[in-house]
Amino acid sequence: MVKLQALLLCDLVVRAPDGKLQLQGIFHVIHVRSLPAQHPAMWLYFRFLVERRSSNGQDTIVVLFKRPSGETEKLPELRVQLDGDSVEGQLQLRGLPLMEEGVHSFELYFNEELVGSCDLTVAKVSPARLGEQHATVQ
């Protein structure tokens, strides 16, 4: 059993000298001039609690990227060794292709159990509106 505490998209994840993580530029909407587009870089930050671990000591984290059309892309799998009852991490996404407008979803799985999901809305806008409130791709 797992309990999601955070699953966020942001521009940058930084570990401060005191050990704290800093999430910079949290967003859920990307504006584009045209499609297809490509987002240069973003981070998917996650934190969740674990009640049950795998019996062999090797736990896996899988992220699926689901597009509005129904197409699903599996992102690189992460293997983790648990030390305690929480899992915290981030996955850097470089050059993520954005093929269509609409609500996309990142689904996070721990040992094949769905932990949670977060949405990313891709919206096409005129150049005059770019940069108003959300992350933009030009």
C-alpha atoms as a PDB file:
ATOM      1  CA  MET A   1       0.000   0.000   0.000  1.00  0.00           C
ATOM      2  CA  VAL A   2       1.301   3.462  -0.903  1.00  0.00           C
ATOM      3  CA  LYS A   3       0.136   6.978  -0.040  1.00  0.00           C
ATOM      4  CA  LEU A   4       0.974   9.852  -2.373  1.00  0.00           C
ATOM      5  CA  GLN A   5       2.232  13.028  -0.731  1.00  0.00           C
ATOM      6  CA  ALA A   6       3.368  15.023  -3.792  1.00  0.00           C
ATOM      7  CA  LEU A   7       3.568  14.632  -7.568  1.00  0.00           C
ATOM      8  CA  LEU A   8       4.472  17.902  -9.305  1.00  0.00           C
ATOM      9  CA  LEU A   9       5.903  19.222 -12.561  1.00  0.00           C
ATOM     10  CA  CYS A  10       8.503  21.963 -12.209  1.00  0.00           C
ATOM     11  CA  ASP A  11      11.267  23.731 -14.097  1.00  0.00           C
ATOM     12  CA  LEU A  12      14.045  22.724 -11.710  1.00  0.00           C
ATOM     13  CA  VAL A  13      14.743  20.600  -8.629  1.00  0.00           C
ATOM     14  CA  VAL A  14      17.726  21.701  -6.520  1.00  0.00           C
ATOM     15  CA  ARG A  15      19.139  20.195  -3.338  1.00  0.00           C
ATOM     16  CA  ALA A  16      20.233  22.994  -0.993  1.00  0.00           C
ATOM     17  CA  PRO A  17      23.390  22.717   1.138  1.00  0.00           C
ATOM     18  CA  ASP A  18      21.193  21.956   4.173  1.00  0.00           C
ATOM     19  CA  GLY A  19      19.724  18.936   2.350  1.00  0.00           C
ATOM     20  CA  LYS A  20      16.311  20.409   1.595  1.00  0.00           C
ATOM     21  CA  LEU A  21      14.874  20.101  -1.890  1.00  0.00           C
ATOM     22  CA  GLN A  22      13.792  23.253  -3.663  1.00  0.00           C
ATOM     23  CA  LEU A  23      11.186  22.983  -6.410  1.00  0.00           C
ATOM     24  CA  GLN A  24      11.326  25.937  -8.762  1.00  0.00           C
ATOM     25  CA  GLY A  25       8.709  26.938 -11.317  1.00  0.00           C
ATOM     26  CA  ILE A  26       5.856  24.531 -10.497  1.00  0.00           C
ATOM     27  CA  PHE A  27       3.376  24.403 -13.384  1.00  0.00           C
ATOM     28  CA  HIS A  28       0.580  22.366 -14.962  1.00  0.00           C
ATOM     29  CA  VAL A  29      -0.041  24.235 -18.249  1.00  0.00           C
ATOM     30  CA  ILE A  30       2.264  24.681 -21.243  1.00  0.00           C
ATOM     31  CA  HIS A  31       1.408  27.172 -23.990  1.00  0.00           C
ATOM     32  CA  VAL A  32       2.721  26.492 -27.486  1.00  0.00           C
ATOM     33  CA  ARG A  33       2.619  28.486 -30.730  1.00  0.00           C
ATOM     34  CA  SER A  34       2.206  25.426 -32.906  1.00  0.00           C
ATOM     35  CA  LEU A  35       2.164  21.652 -32.751  1.00  0.00           C
ATOM     36  CA  PRO A  36       4.068  19.440 -32.689  1.00  0.00           C
ATOM     37  CA  ALA A  37       6.337  21.123 -30.145  1.00  0.00           C
ATOM     38  CA  GLN A  38       9.033  19.961 -27.774  1.00  0.00           C
ATOM     39  CA  HIS A  39       9.541  21.048 -24.167  1.00  0.00           C
ATOM     40  CA  PRO A  40      13.276  21.522 -23.555  1.00  0.00           C
ATOM     41  CA  ALA A  41      13.428  20.333 -19.925  1.00  0.00           C
ATOM     42  CA  MET A  42      11.210  19.768 -16.922  1.00  0.00           C
ATOM     43  CA  TRP A  43      11.268  17.713 -13.747  1.00  0.00           C
ATOM     44  CA  LEU A  44       8.644  15.383 -12.308  1.00  0.00           C
ATOM     45  CA  TYR A  45       9.027  15.442  -8.503  1.00  0.00           C
ATOM     46  CA  PHE A  46       7.431  12.730  -6.356  1.00  0.00           C
ATOM     47  CA  ARG A  47       7.140  11.779  -2.709  1.00  0.00           C
ATOM     48  CA  PHE A  48       5.061   8.947  -1.255  1.00  0.00           C
ATOM     49  CA  LEU A  49       4.843   6.679   1.790  1.00  0.00           C
ATOM     50  CA  VAL A  50       5.229   2.900   1.523  1.00  0.00           C
ATOM     51  CA  GLU A  51       3.649   0.347   3.837  1.00  0.00           C
ATOM     52  CA  ARG A  52       4.719  -2.747   1.918  1.00  0.00           C
ATOM     53  CA  ARG A  53       7.951  -3.460   0.064  1.00  0.00           C
ATOM     54  CA  SER A  54       8.927  -6.061  -2.494  1.00  0.00           C
ATOM     55  CA  SER A  55      10.220  -9.303  -1.027  1.00  0.00           C
ATOM     56  CA  ASN A  56      13.501  -9.240  -2.974  1.00  0.00           C
ATOM     57  CA  GLY A  57      14.572  -5.754  -1.868  1.00  0.00           C
ATOM     58  CA  GLN A  58      14.446  -4.323  -5.410  1.00  0.00           C
ATOM     59  CA  ASP A  59      11.619  -1.865  -5.842  1.00  0.00           C
ATOM     60  CA  THR A  60      10.715  -0.205  -9.131  1.00  0.00           C
ATOM     61  CA  ILE A  61       9.160   3.099 -10.071  1.00  0.00           C
ATOM     62  CA  VAL A  62       7.540   3.435 -13.485  1.00  0.00           C
ATOM     63  CA  VAL A  63       6.049   6.592 -14.994  1.00  0.00           C
ATOM     64  CA  LEU A  64       3.610   6.464 -17.893  1.00  0.00           C
ATOM     65  CA  PHE A  65       2.951   9.559 -20.014  1.00  0.00           C
ATOM     66  CA  LYS A  66      -0.579   9.452 -21.425  1.00  0.00           C
ATOM     67  CA  ARG A  67      -1.619  11.722 -24.260  1.00  0.00           C
ATOM     68  CA  PRO A  68      -5.229  12.883 -24.894  1.00  0.00           C
ATOM     69  CA  SER A  69      -5.372  10.615 -27.966  1.00  0.00           C
ATOM     70  CA  GLY A  70      -4.882   7.574 -25.732  1.00  0.00           C
ATOM     71  CA  GLU A  71      -1.257   6.994 -26.750  1.00  0.00           C
ATOM     72  CA  THR A  72       0.877   5.944 -23.765  1.00  0.00           C
ATOM     73  CA  GLU A  73       4.648   6.252 -23.464  1.00  0.00           C
ATOM     74  CA  LYS A  74       6.613   4.459 -20.735  1.00  0.00           C
ATOM     75  CA  LEU A  75       9.409   6.634 -19.353  1.00  0.00           C
ATOM     76  CA  PRO A  76      12.688   5.107 -18.114  1.00  0.00           C
ATOM     77  CA  GLU A  77      12.163   2.790 -15.139  1.00  0.00           C
ATOM     78  CA  LEU A  78      13.811   3.653 -11.816  1.00  0.00           C
ATOM     79  CA  ARG A  79      15.092   1.021  -9.377  1.00  0.00           C
ATOM     80  CA  VAL A  80      15.198   2.067  -5.739  1.00  0.00           C
ATOM     81  CA  GLN A  81      16.396   0.576  -2.462  1.00  0.00           C
ATOM     82  CA  LEU A  82      14.136   1.740   0.322  1.00  0.00           C
ATOM     83  CA  ASP A  83      15.608   3.130   3.504  1.00  0.00           C
ATOM     84  CA  GLY A  84      12.610   3.775   5.721  1.00  0.00           C
ATOM     85  CA  ASP A  85       8.979   4.161   4.749  1.00  0.00           C
ATOM     86  CA  SER A  86       9.116   7.056   2.280  1.00  0.00           C
ATOM     87  CA  VAL A  87      10.253   7.425  -1.300  1.00  0.00           C
ATOM     88  CA  GLU A  88      11.284  10.805  -2.677  1.00  0.00           C
ATOM     89  CA  GLY A  89      12.789  11.518  -6.039  1.00  0.00           C
ATOM     90  CA  GLN A  90      12.646  13.306  -9.333  1.00  0.00           C
ATOM     91  CA  LEU A  91      12.792  12.401 -12.963  1.00  0.00           C
ATOM     92  CA  GLN A  92      14.254  14.856 -15.453  1.00  0.00           C
ATOM     93  CA  LEU A  93      12.400  14.977 -18.744  1.00  0.00           C
ATOM     94  CA  ARG A  94      14.374  16.457 -21.650  1.00  0.00           C
ATOM     95  CA  GLY A  95      12.897  17.121 -25.062  1.00  0.00           C
ATOM     96  CA  LEU A  96       9.417  15.861 -24.210  1.00  0.00           C
ATOM     97  CA  PRO A  97       7.463  15.824 -27.484  1.00  0.00           C
ATOM     98  CA  LEU A  98       4.097  17.572 -27.343  1.00  0.00           C
ATOM     99  CA  MET A  99       2.023  16.324 -30.252  1.00  0.00           C
ATOM    100  CA  GLU A 100      -1.476  17.556 -29.447  1.00  0.00           C
ATOM    101  CA  GLU A 101      -3.525  19.971 -27.376  1.00  0.00           C
ATOM    102  CA  GLY A 102      -5.403  18.836 -24.316  1.00  0.00           C
ATOM    103  CA  VAL A 103      -4.875  17.245 -20.942  1.00  0.00           C
ATOM    104  CA  HIS A 104      -1.937  14.850 -20.740  1.00  0.00           C
ATOM    105  CA  SER A 105      -1.245  12.745 -17.655  1.00  0.00           C
ATOM    106  CA  PHE A 106       1.800  11.401 -15.839  1.00  0.00           C
ATOM    107  CA  GLU A 107       0.947   8.217 -13.903  1.00  0.00           C
ATOM    108  CA  LEU A 108       3.384   7.056 -11.208  1.00  0.00           C
ATOM    109  CA  TYR A 109       3.600   3.349 -10.301  1.00  0.00           C
ATOM    110  CA  PHE A 110       5.521   1.694  -7.453  1.00  0.00           C
ATOM    111  CA  ASN A 111       6.005  -2.071  -7.914  1.00  0.00           C
ATOM    112  CA  GLU A 112       3.112  -2.036 -10.422  1.00  0.00           C
ATOM    113  CA  GLU A 113       0.750  -0.286  -7.962  1.00  0.00           C
ATOM    114  CA  LEU A 114      -0.640   3.070  -9.060  1.00  0.00           C
ATOM    115  CA  VAL A 115       0.604   5.743  -6.647  1.00  0.00           C
ATOM    116  CA  GLY A 116      -1.075   8.717  -8.341  1.00  0.00           C
ATOM    117  CA  SER A 117      -1.091  10.998 -11.341  1.00  0.00           C
ATOM    118  CA  CYS A 118      -0.678  14.636 -12.283  1.00  0.00           C
ATOM    119  CA  ASP A 119      -2.010  16.429 -15.333  1.00  0.00           C
ATOM    120  CA  LEU A 120      -0.249  18.610 -17.870  1.00  0.00           C
ATOM    121  CA  THR A 121      -2.428  20.742 -20.142  1.00  0.00           C
ATOM    122  CA  VAL A 122      -0.994  21.696 -23.535  1.00  0.00           C
ATOM    123  CA  ALA A 123      -2.708  24.732 -25.050  1.00  0.00           C
ATOM    124  CA  LYS A 124      -2.086  26.434 -28.378  1.00  0.00           C
ATOM    125  CA  VAL A 125      -2.133  30.235 -28.115  1.00  0.00           C
ATOM    126  CA  SER A 126      -1.363  33.242 -30.235  1.00  0.00           C
ATOM    127  CA  PRO A 127       2.129  34.756 -29.862  1.00  0.00           C
ATOM    128  CA  ALA A 128       0.577  37.809 -28.146  1.00  0.00           C
ATOM    129  CA  ARG A 129      -0.562  35.645 -25.206  1.00  0.00           C
ATOM    130  CA  LEU A 130       2.662  33.649 -24.728  1.00  0.00           C
ATOM    131  CA  GLY A 131       4.299  34.131 -21.347  1.00  0.00           C
ATOM    132  CA  GLU A 132       1.231  35.422 -19.519  1.00  0.00           C
ATOM    133  CA  GLN A 133       0.903  32.960 -16.640  1.00  0.00           C
ATOM    134  CA  HIS A 134       2.299  29.523 -17.379  1.00  0.00           C
ATOM    135  CA  ALA A 135       5.313  27.766 -18.816  1.00  0.00           C
ATOM    136  CA  THR A 136       5.680  28.339 -22.545  1.00  0.00           C
ATOM    137  CA  VAL A 137       7.396  26.564 -25.392  1.00  0.00           C
ATOM    138  CA  GLN A 138       8.355  28.612 -28.409  1.00  0.00           C
END
